Amino acid sequence: MHLTRLALTDFRCYPAADVPLEPGVTSFTGANGEGKTNLVEAVGYVATLASHRVATDAPLVRSGAERAIVRAAVTAADRSSLVEIEINPSRANRARLNRAAVQRPRQVLGVLHAVLFAPEDLALVKGDPGERRRYLDDLLIQSAPRYAGVRSDYDRVVRQRTALLKSARARPPGNRPMLGALDAWDEQLVRTGAELMAGRLELVGALRPLAVKAYAAVSGDECAVELTYRPSLRDKAEPAADQEQLAASLREALAESRGAELERAVCLVGPHRDELELRIGELPARGYASHGESWSFALALRLAGYELLRSSGDDPVLLLDDVFAELDGQRRDRLAALAAAAEQVIVTAAVPADLPTAMATTRFDVSGGVITRAG
């Protein structure tokens, strides 16, 4: 799988940009703040309908513009597709596939598979559990796009339950008519939450050996690394990916936590509070891993995701955003060797010297939002 064209209108710093792309390694070089990262961010948005840098869409639209448009031409083994996404901060986004409007933007998910590694990925190891949950969900949705609907439904249930809990807390204990409605939303949380948890657990099981292999390849260290899914249930052991059993466990946990939820007015149980625990040897990576180990683990998670998506038959596009400057010489060379096997790699760097000499590239210069082919 590879991109043959990326076109932007009013996306970030670009009033307009149109870049032809081809298989192999393509690099975009330029000083910080000139627009390099915006390009890989746009590719990642087509693949996931989310930015790796911001939580909302508003910053993606160029200042003074009403909307942004991202167009990506994608060639895979059995098809060629054109994806167009209109980003509207003040109303619902819209999307087109092969120039035909789709009912929901998430219907274009799966057309492009991409794996992005960026400096922000240190948060996968050092950051809060929400960073690791997002990593799992973004990868889950790329591998099985139907989970976009599952996650959206689950998020809606959590918002509604939270609103009901806040309303109940504002009333005296004997005057809480909304508790009947809360029971109904509990069942919605059980249904959607069990499905999301089952998908995550299956994903972690598939990622585990791939991450171990990738960590050894990147770090040159055979030290054992481990991924464990820790649920927000009384039993913190990683459960089986059995949807019915998970539903029963969630239902029981909700009943046990009802009093505490009413007191605190927050949802205390469900996949929105679960954790992906990362360990290096006997110690948790968060708080104990060195800077180099953290980089290696973060990169191993991305490369594991790459291999997982690759197993579906098409190589994902590999996006490397200004990462070589952050790595020591050995890790740079190992990453370059791993990237060489990808069908298409898009890499950004401040200067050409930041790129390993082994990476022969088609190079573009980026300055002030203007992209020109070098040489």
Protein backbone atom coordinates (compact mmCIF):
# COMPACT_ATOMS: atom_id res chain seq x y z
CA MET A 1 0.00 0.00 0.00
CA HIS A 2 1.28 3.48 -0.80
CA LEU A 3 0.17 7.05 -1.36
CA THR A 4 0.51 8.53 -4.82
CA ARG A 5 -0.73 12.00 -3.91
CA LEU A 6 -1.43 14.14 -0.89
CA ALA A 7 -3.33 17.40 -1.39
CA LEU A 8 -4.23 19.89 1.32
CA THR A 9 -6.48 22.93 1.41
CA ASP A 10 -6.38 25.20 4.46
CA PHE A 11 -4.89 22.41 6.58
CA ARG A 12 -2.67 23.82 9.34
CA CYS A 13 -0.20 26.25 7.67
CA TYR A 14 -1.04 25.24 4.09
CA PRO A 15 -3.48 27.38 2.06
CA ALA A 16 -2.89 24.79 -0.66
CA ALA A 17 -0.40 21.98 -1.22
CA ASP A 18 -0.26 19.13 -3.70
CA VAL A 19 2.54 16.57 -3.33
CA PRO A 20 3.14 13.61 -5.66
CA LEU A 21 4.40 10.54 -3.83
CA GLU A 22 5.78 7.17 -4.82
CA PRO A 23 6.91 3.93 -3.17
CA GLY A 24 10.19 3.91 -1.30
CA VAL A 25 11.50 6.57 1.07
CA THR A 26 10.39 10.19 0.74
CA SER A 27 11.84 12.80 3.07
CA PHE A 28 10.66 16.31 3.91
CA THR A 29 13.38 18.50 5.38
CA GLY A 30 13.24 22.02 6.77
CA ALA A 31 13.62 24.03 9.93
CA ASN A 32 11.25 23.53 12.82
CA GLY A 33 7.92 25.29 12.41
CA GLU A 34 7.96 25.25 8.60
CA GLY A 35 5.21 22.63 8.12
CA LYS A 36 6.91 19.23 7.91
CA THR A 37 4.96 17.60 10.70
CA ASN A 38 1.70 18.94 9.27
CA LEU A 39 2.20 16.67 6.26
CA VAL A 40 2.56 13.43 8.21
CA GLU A 41 -0.23 14.60 10.52
CA ALA A 42 -2.52 14.87 7.47
CA VAL A 43 -1.62 11.34 6.34
CA GLY A 44 -2.25 10.02 9.84
CA TYR A 45 -5.60 11.80 9.90
CA VAL A 46 -6.72 10.01 6.74
CA ALA A 47 -5.81 6.68 8.35
CA THR A 48 -7.35 7.27 11.79
CA LEU A 49 -9.59 10.38 11.58
CA ALA A 50 -7.55 11.83 14.43
CA SER A 51 -4.43 13.89 14.97
CA HIS A 52 -1.47 12.60 16.98
CA ARG A 53 -0.85 16.14 18.23
CA VAL A 54 -4.22 17.59 19.30
CA ALA A 55 -7.44 16.19 20.74
CA THR A 56 -9.85 18.31 18.68
CA ASP A 57 -10.11 19.23 15.00
CA ALA A 58 -10.19 23.01 15.36
CA PRO A 59 -6.38 23.51 15.34
CA LEU A 60 -6.16 21.61 12.04
CA VAL A 61 -7.96 24.36 10.14
CA ARG A 62 -5.75 27.21 8.96
CA SER A 63 -6.33 30.47 10.82
CA GLY A 64 -9.03 32.49 9.09
CA ALA A 65 -10.42 29.55 7.10
CA GLU A 66 -13.79 27.91 7.74
CA ARG A 67 -12.75 24.36 6.93
CA ALA A 68 -9.82 22.21 5.85
CA ILE A 69 -9.73 19.53 3.18
CA VAL A 70 -7.34 16.59 3.00
CA ARG A 71 -7.19 14.46 -0.16
CA ALA A 72 -5.18 11.27 -0.41
CA ALA A 73 -4.81 8.98 -3.42
CA VAL A 74 -4.06 5.45 -2.21
CA THR A 75 -2.88 2.47 -4.23
CA ALA A 76 -3.10 -1.01 -2.75
CA ALA A 77 -2.61 -4.47 -4.22
CA ASP A 78 -6.21 -4.80 -5.40
CA ARG A 79 -7.48 -1.23 -5.71
CA SER A 80 -6.82 2.47 -6.12
CA SER A 81 -8.85 4.90 -4.04
CA LEU A 82 -9.28 8.62 -3.50
CA VAL A 83 -10.19 9.70 0.03
CA GLU A 84 -11.37 13.27 0.65
CA ILE A 85 -12.07 14.54 4.17
CA GLU A 86 -13.60 17.93 4.95
CA ILE A 87 -12.77 19.05 8.48
CA ASN A 88 -15.39 21.42 9.92
CA PRO A 89 -14.77 22.67 13.47
CA SER A 90 -18.26 24.16 13.81
CA ARG A 91 -20.24 21.25 12.37
CA ALA A 92 -19.94 17.60 11.42
CA ASN A 93 -17.04 16.56 9.24
CA ARG A 94 -17.78 15.13 5.81
CA ALA A 95 -15.98 12.60 3.63
CA ARG A 96 -15.98 11.27 0.09
CA LEU A 97 -14.62 8.01 -1.26
CA ASN A 98 -13.83 7.91 -4.97
CA ARG A 99 -15.74 11.21 -5.28
CA ALA A 100 -18.94 9.74 -3.81
CA ALA A 101 -20.16 11.11 -0.47
CA VAL A 102 -20.29 8.62 2.41
CA GLN A 103 -22.86 8.81 5.18
CA ARG A 104 -20.26 8.99 7.95
CA PRO A 105 -16.57 9.88 7.78
CA ARG A 106 -15.63 6.66 9.55
CA GLN A 107 -16.71 4.75 6.45
CA VAL A 108 -13.37 5.70 4.85
CA LEU A 109 -11.42 4.02 7.64
CA GLY A 110 -9.43 1.07 6.37
CA VAL A 111 -8.73 2.55 2.93
CA LEU A 112 -5.32 3.76 4.14
CA HIS A 113 -3.27 2.00 6.79
CA ALA A 114 -0.49 4.08 8.29
CA VAL A 115 1.74 3.85 11.34
CA LEU A 116 3.18 7.09 12.69
CA PHE A 117 6.16 7.34 15.02
CA ALA A 118 6.79 10.81 16.45
CA PRO A 119 8.53 12.40 19.45
CA GLU A 120 5.14 12.55 21.18
CA ASP A 121 5.21 8.75 21.34
CA LEU A 122 7.39 8.85 24.44
CA ALA A 123 4.05 9.42 26.18
CA LEU A 124 3.12 5.83 25.29
CA VAL A 125 5.67 4.76 27.88
CA LYS A 126 5.98 7.73 30.23
CA GLY A 127 2.50 9.22 30.00
CA ASP A 128 -0.89 8.57 31.55
CA PRO A 129 -2.96 5.42 30.83
CA GLY A 130 -5.11 7.37 28.38
CA GLU A 131 -2.16 7.53 25.97
CA ARG A 132 -1.88 3.75 25.90
CA ARG A 133 -5.65 3.27 25.59
CA ARG A 134 -5.63 5.58 22.59
CA TYR A 135 -2.77 3.62 21.05
CA LEU A 136 -4.79 0.41 21.36
CA ASP A 137 -8.02 1.92 20.05
CA ASP A 138 -6.42 3.64 17.06
CA LEU A 139 -4.71 0.41 16.05
CA LEU A 140 -7.85 -1.63 16.71
CA ILE A 141 -9.89 0.65 14.45
CA GLN A 142 -7.33 0.46 11.66
CA SER A 143 -7.29 -3.33 11.82
CA ALA A 144 -11.09 -3.63 12.19
CA PRO A 145 -12.89 -0.36 11.28
CA ARG A 146 -16.19 -1.47 12.84
CA TYR A 147 -14.65 -0.68 16.23
CA ALA A 148 -14.89 3.02 15.36
CA GLY A 149 -18.63 2.69 15.87
CA VAL A 150 -18.17 0.62 19.03
CA ARG A 151 -15.86 3.19 20.58
CA SER A 152 -18.12 6.07 19.55
CA ASP A 153 -21.13 4.33 21.12
CA TYR A 154 -19.19 3.58 24.28
CA ASP A 155 -17.99 7.19 24.63
CA ARG A 156 -21.59 8.39 24.25
CA VAL A 157 -22.74 6.00 27.01
CA VAL A 158 -20.02 7.23 29.38
CA ARG A 159 -21.00 10.86 28.76
CA GLN A 160 -24.69 10.11 29.39
CA ARG A 161 -24.00 8.09 32.54
CA THR A 162 -21.73 10.85 33.87
CA ALA A 163 -24.46 13.44 33.30
CA LEU A 164 -26.99 11.26 35.16
CA LEU A 165 -24.59 10.67 38.04
CA LYS A 166 -24.04 14.42 38.38
CA SER A 167 -27.81 15.02 38.39
CA ALA A 168 -28.31 12.34 41.03
CA ARG A 169 -25.58 13.73 43.28
CA ALA A 170 -27.28 17.13 43.23
CA ARG A 171 -30.46 15.60 44.74
CA PRO A 172 -31.14 14.13 48.21
CA PRO A 173 -30.81 10.31 48.37
CA GLY A 174 -34.56 9.77 48.60
CA ASN A 175 -35.34 11.90 45.55
CA ARG A 176 -33.38 10.49 42.62
CA PRO A 177 -35.84 9.53 39.87
CA MET A 178 -33.01 9.29 37.34
CA LEU A 179 -31.70 6.10 38.90
CA GLY A 180 -34.05 4.04 36.72
CA ALA A 181 -32.55 5.62 33.64
CA LEU A 182 -29.09 4.95 35.07
CA ASP A 183 -29.90 1.24 35.19
CA ALA A 184 -30.68 1.30 31.48
CA TRP A 185 -27.43 3.09 30.69
CA ASP A 186 -25.57 0.54 32.81
CA GLU A 187 -26.67 -2.15 30.38
CA GLN A 188 -25.53 -0.04 27.45
CA LEU A 189 -22.14 0.37 29.09
CA VAL A 190 -21.95 -3.38 29.70
CA ARG A 191 -22.77 -4.19 26.08
CA THR A 192 -20.48 -1.70 24.37
CA GLY A 193 -17.76 -1.91 27.03
CA ALA A 194 -17.51 -5.70 26.83
CA GLU A 195 -17.20 -5.54 23.05
CA LEU A 196 -14.47 -2.89 23.21
CA MET A 197 -12.57 -4.75 25.94
CA ALA A 198 -12.73 -8.02 24.02
CA GLY A 199 -11.30 -6.32 20.95
CA ARG A 200 -8.50 -4.72 22.96
CA LEU A 201 -7.62 -8.01 24.65
CA GLU A 202 -7.40 -9.85 21.35
CA LEU A 203 -5.24 -7.03 20.02
CA VAL A 204 -2.87 -7.14 23.01
CA GLY A 205 -2.51 -10.88 22.57
CA ALA A 206 -1.51 -10.38 18.94
CA LEU A 207 0.82 -7.46 19.71
CA ARG A 208 2.70 -9.11 22.59
CA PRO A 209 5.14 -11.30 20.59
CA LEU A 210 5.55 -8.62 17.93
CA ALA A 211 6.50 -5.99 20.50
CA VAL A 212 9.02 -8.33 22.14
CA LYS A 213 10.67 -8.99 18.77
CA ALA A 214 10.63 -5.31 17.77
CA TYR A 215 12.14 -4.19 21.09
CA ALA A 216 15.06 -6.57 20.67
CA ALA A 217 15.56 -5.45 17.06
CA VAL A 218 15.58 -1.73 17.92
CA SER A 219 17.50 -1.80 21.20
CA GLY A 220 19.85 -4.70 20.54
CA ASP A 221 18.88 -5.87 24.03
CA GLU A 222 17.31 -9.25 24.72
CA CYS A 223 15.81 -7.97 27.98
CA ALA A 224 12.25 -9.26 28.29
CA VAL A 225 9.45 -6.76 27.77
CA GLU A 226 5.82 -7.41 28.57
CA LEU A 227 2.40 -5.98 27.70
CA THR A 228 -0.49 -6.72 30.05
CA TYR A 229 -4.06 -5.43 29.87
CA ARG A 230 -5.26 -4.40 33.35
CA PRO A 231 -9.05 -3.93 33.59
CA SER A 232 -10.85 -1.58 35.97
CA LEU A 233 -12.43 -4.57 37.70
CA ARG A 234 -11.94 -5.99 41.17
CA ASP A 235 -9.68 -8.69 39.71
CA LYS A 236 -6.88 -6.79 37.97
CA ALA A 237 -5.52 -9.89 36.21
CA GLU A 238 -5.73 -9.85 32.43
CA PRO A 239 -9.05 -11.57 31.58
CA ALA A 240 -9.88 -13.74 28.61
CA ALA A 241 -11.23 -12.02 25.50
CA ASP A 242 -14.66 -13.56 26.07
CA GLN A 243 -17.37 -10.97 25.52
CA GLU A 244 -20.02 -12.72 27.64
CA GLN A 245 -17.67 -13.18 30.59
CA LEU A 246 -16.50 -9.59 30.31
CA ALA A 247 -20.11 -8.38 30.27
CA ALA A 248 -20.86 -10.35 33.44
CA SER A 249 -17.77 -8.93 35.16
CA LEU A 250 -18.66 -5.38 34.13
CA ARG A 251 -22.23 -5.79 35.34
CA GLU A 252 -21.02 -7.03 38.73
CA ALA A 253 -18.44 -4.26 39.04
CA LEU A 254 -21.02 -1.58 38.21
CA ALA A 255 -23.34 -2.88 40.92
CA GLU A 256 -20.52 -2.85 43.47
CA SER A 257 -19.37 0.64 42.56
CA ARG A 258 -22.81 2.32 42.36
CA GLY A 259 -22.49 4.02 45.74
CA ALA A 260 -19.01 5.35 45.01
CA GLU A 261 -20.08 6.53 41.56
CA LEU A 262 -23.03 8.45 42.98
CA GLU A 263 -20.80 10.03 45.61
CA ARG A 264 -18.11 11.08 43.11
CA ALA A 265 -20.36 11.60 40.04
CA VAL A 266 -17.97 9.79 37.71
CA CYS A 267 -17.99 6.45 35.90
CA LEU A 268 -15.51 4.30 37.81
CA VAL A 269 -15.80 1.08 35.79
CA GLY A 270 -15.24 0.34 32.13
CA PRO A 271 -12.61 0.32 29.40
CA HIS A 272 -12.17 4.10 29.69
CA ARG A 273 -10.37 3.37 32.99
CA ASP A 274 -8.38 0.31 31.92
CA GLU A 275 -4.60 0.27 31.58
CA LEU A 276 -2.06 -1.28 29.22
CA GLU A 277 0.80 -2.07 31.57
CA LEU A 278 4.29 -2.07 30.06
CA ARG A 279 7.19 -3.78 31.81
CA ILE A 280 10.89 -4.12 31.10
CA GLY A 281 12.27 -7.07 33.00
CA GLU A 282 10.71 -7.05 36.45
CA LEU A 283 9.93 -3.33 36.57
CA PRO A 284 7.13 -1.18 35.11
CA ALA A 285 8.44 0.89 32.22
CA ARG A 286 6.66 4.01 33.42
CA GLY A 287 8.83 5.60 36.06
CA TYR A 288 11.70 3.12 35.80
CA ALA A 289 12.77 2.90 32.15
CA SER A 290 15.75 4.99 31.05
CA HIS A 291 15.35 7.52 28.26
CA GLY A 292 16.85 5.10 25.74
CA GLU A 293 14.69 2.21 26.96
CA SER A 294 11.59 4.39 26.74
CA TRP A 295 12.39 5.34 23.15
CA SER A 296 13.01 1.69 22.28
CA PHE A 297 9.74 0.57 23.86
CA ALA A 298 7.70 3.33 22.20
CA LEU A 299 9.21 2.46 18.83
CA ALA A 300 8.64 -1.25 19.48
CA LEU A 301 4.93 -0.57 20.06
CA ARG A 302 4.67 1.28 16.75
CA LEU A 303 6.62 -1.37 14.85
CA ALA A 304 4.47 -4.08 16.40
CA GLY A 305 1.41 -2.25 15.13
CA TYR A 306 3.04 -1.98 11.72
CA GLU A 307 3.66 -5.73 11.57
CA LEU A 308 0.13 -6.46 12.74
CA LEU A 309 -1.43 -4.32 10.02
CA ARG A 310 1.03 -5.74 7.50
CA SER A 311 -0.24 -9.25 8.21
CA SER A 312 -3.55 -8.29 6.54
CA GLY A 313 -1.79 -8.33 3.16
CA ASP A 314 -0.85 -4.69 2.46
CA ASP A 315 2.14 -2.86 3.92
CA PRO A 316 1.00 0.20 5.89
CA VAL A 317 2.62 3.53 5.09
CA LEU A 318 5.35 4.13 7.67
CA LEU A 319 5.54 7.74 8.90
CA LEU A 320 8.64 8.84 10.84
CA ASP A 321 8.31 12.38 12.13
CA ASP A 322 11.62 13.91 13.18
CA VAL A 323 12.65 10.84 15.16
CA PHE A 324 16.18 10.14 13.91
CA ALA A 325 17.54 13.24 15.64
CA GLU A 326 16.19 11.85 18.93
CA LEU A 327 17.91 8.45 18.66
CA ASP A 328 21.49 7.45 19.31
CA GLY A 329 23.59 6.13 16.43
CA GLN A 330 22.86 2.45 16.97
CA ARG A 331 19.10 2.92 17.27
CA ARG A 332 19.13 5.17 14.20
CA ASP A 333 20.82 2.50 12.13
CA ARG A 334 18.55 -0.28 13.38
CA LEU A 335 15.43 1.77 12.69
CA ALA A 336 16.70 2.63 9.20
CA ALA A 337 17.28 -1.07 8.49
CA LEU A 338 13.78 -1.98 9.67
CA ALA A 339 12.21 0.85 7.67
CA ALA A 340 13.98 -0.24 4.49
CA ALA A 341 11.62 -3.20 4.20
CA ALA A 342 8.49 -1.00 4.08
CA GLU A 343 6.73 -0.34 0.78
CA GLN A 344 6.52 3.38 1.51
CA VAL A 345 8.22 5.49 4.17
CA ILE A 346 7.58 9.20 4.68
CA VAL A 347 10.13 10.80 6.97
CA THR A 348 10.71 14.33 8.21
CA ALA A 349 13.96 15.86 9.46
CA ALA A 350 15.29 19.31 10.27
CA VAL A 351 18.34 18.81 8.04
CA PRO A 352 19.36 16.03 5.63
CA ALA A 353 22.24 15.12 7.97
CA ASP A 354 19.67 13.85 10.50
CA LEU A 355 18.77 11.01 8.11
CA PRO A 356 20.85 7.82 8.19
CA THR A 357 23.06 7.53 5.12
CA ALA A 358 21.53 4.11 4.40
CA MET A 359 18.15 5.74 3.63
CA ALA A 360 18.22 6.75 -0.03
CA THR A 361 15.34 9.20 -0.40
CA THR A 362 13.30 11.31 -2.72
CA ARG A 363 13.67 14.63 -0.91
CA PHE A 364 11.46 17.69 -0.63
CA ASP A 365 12.36 20.96 1.07
CA VAL A 366 9.71 22.64 3.20
CA SER A 367 9.87 26.35 4.01
CA GLY A 368 7.03 28.61 5.09
CA GLY A 369 4.42 26.12 3.98
CA VAL A 370 5.94 25.84 0.50
CA ILE A 371 7.06 22.40 -0.66
CA THR A 372 9.68 22.06 -3.40
CA ARG A 373 11.42 18.98 -4.71
CA ALA A 374 15.14 19.01 -3.94
CA GLY A 375 17.77 18.28 -6.57
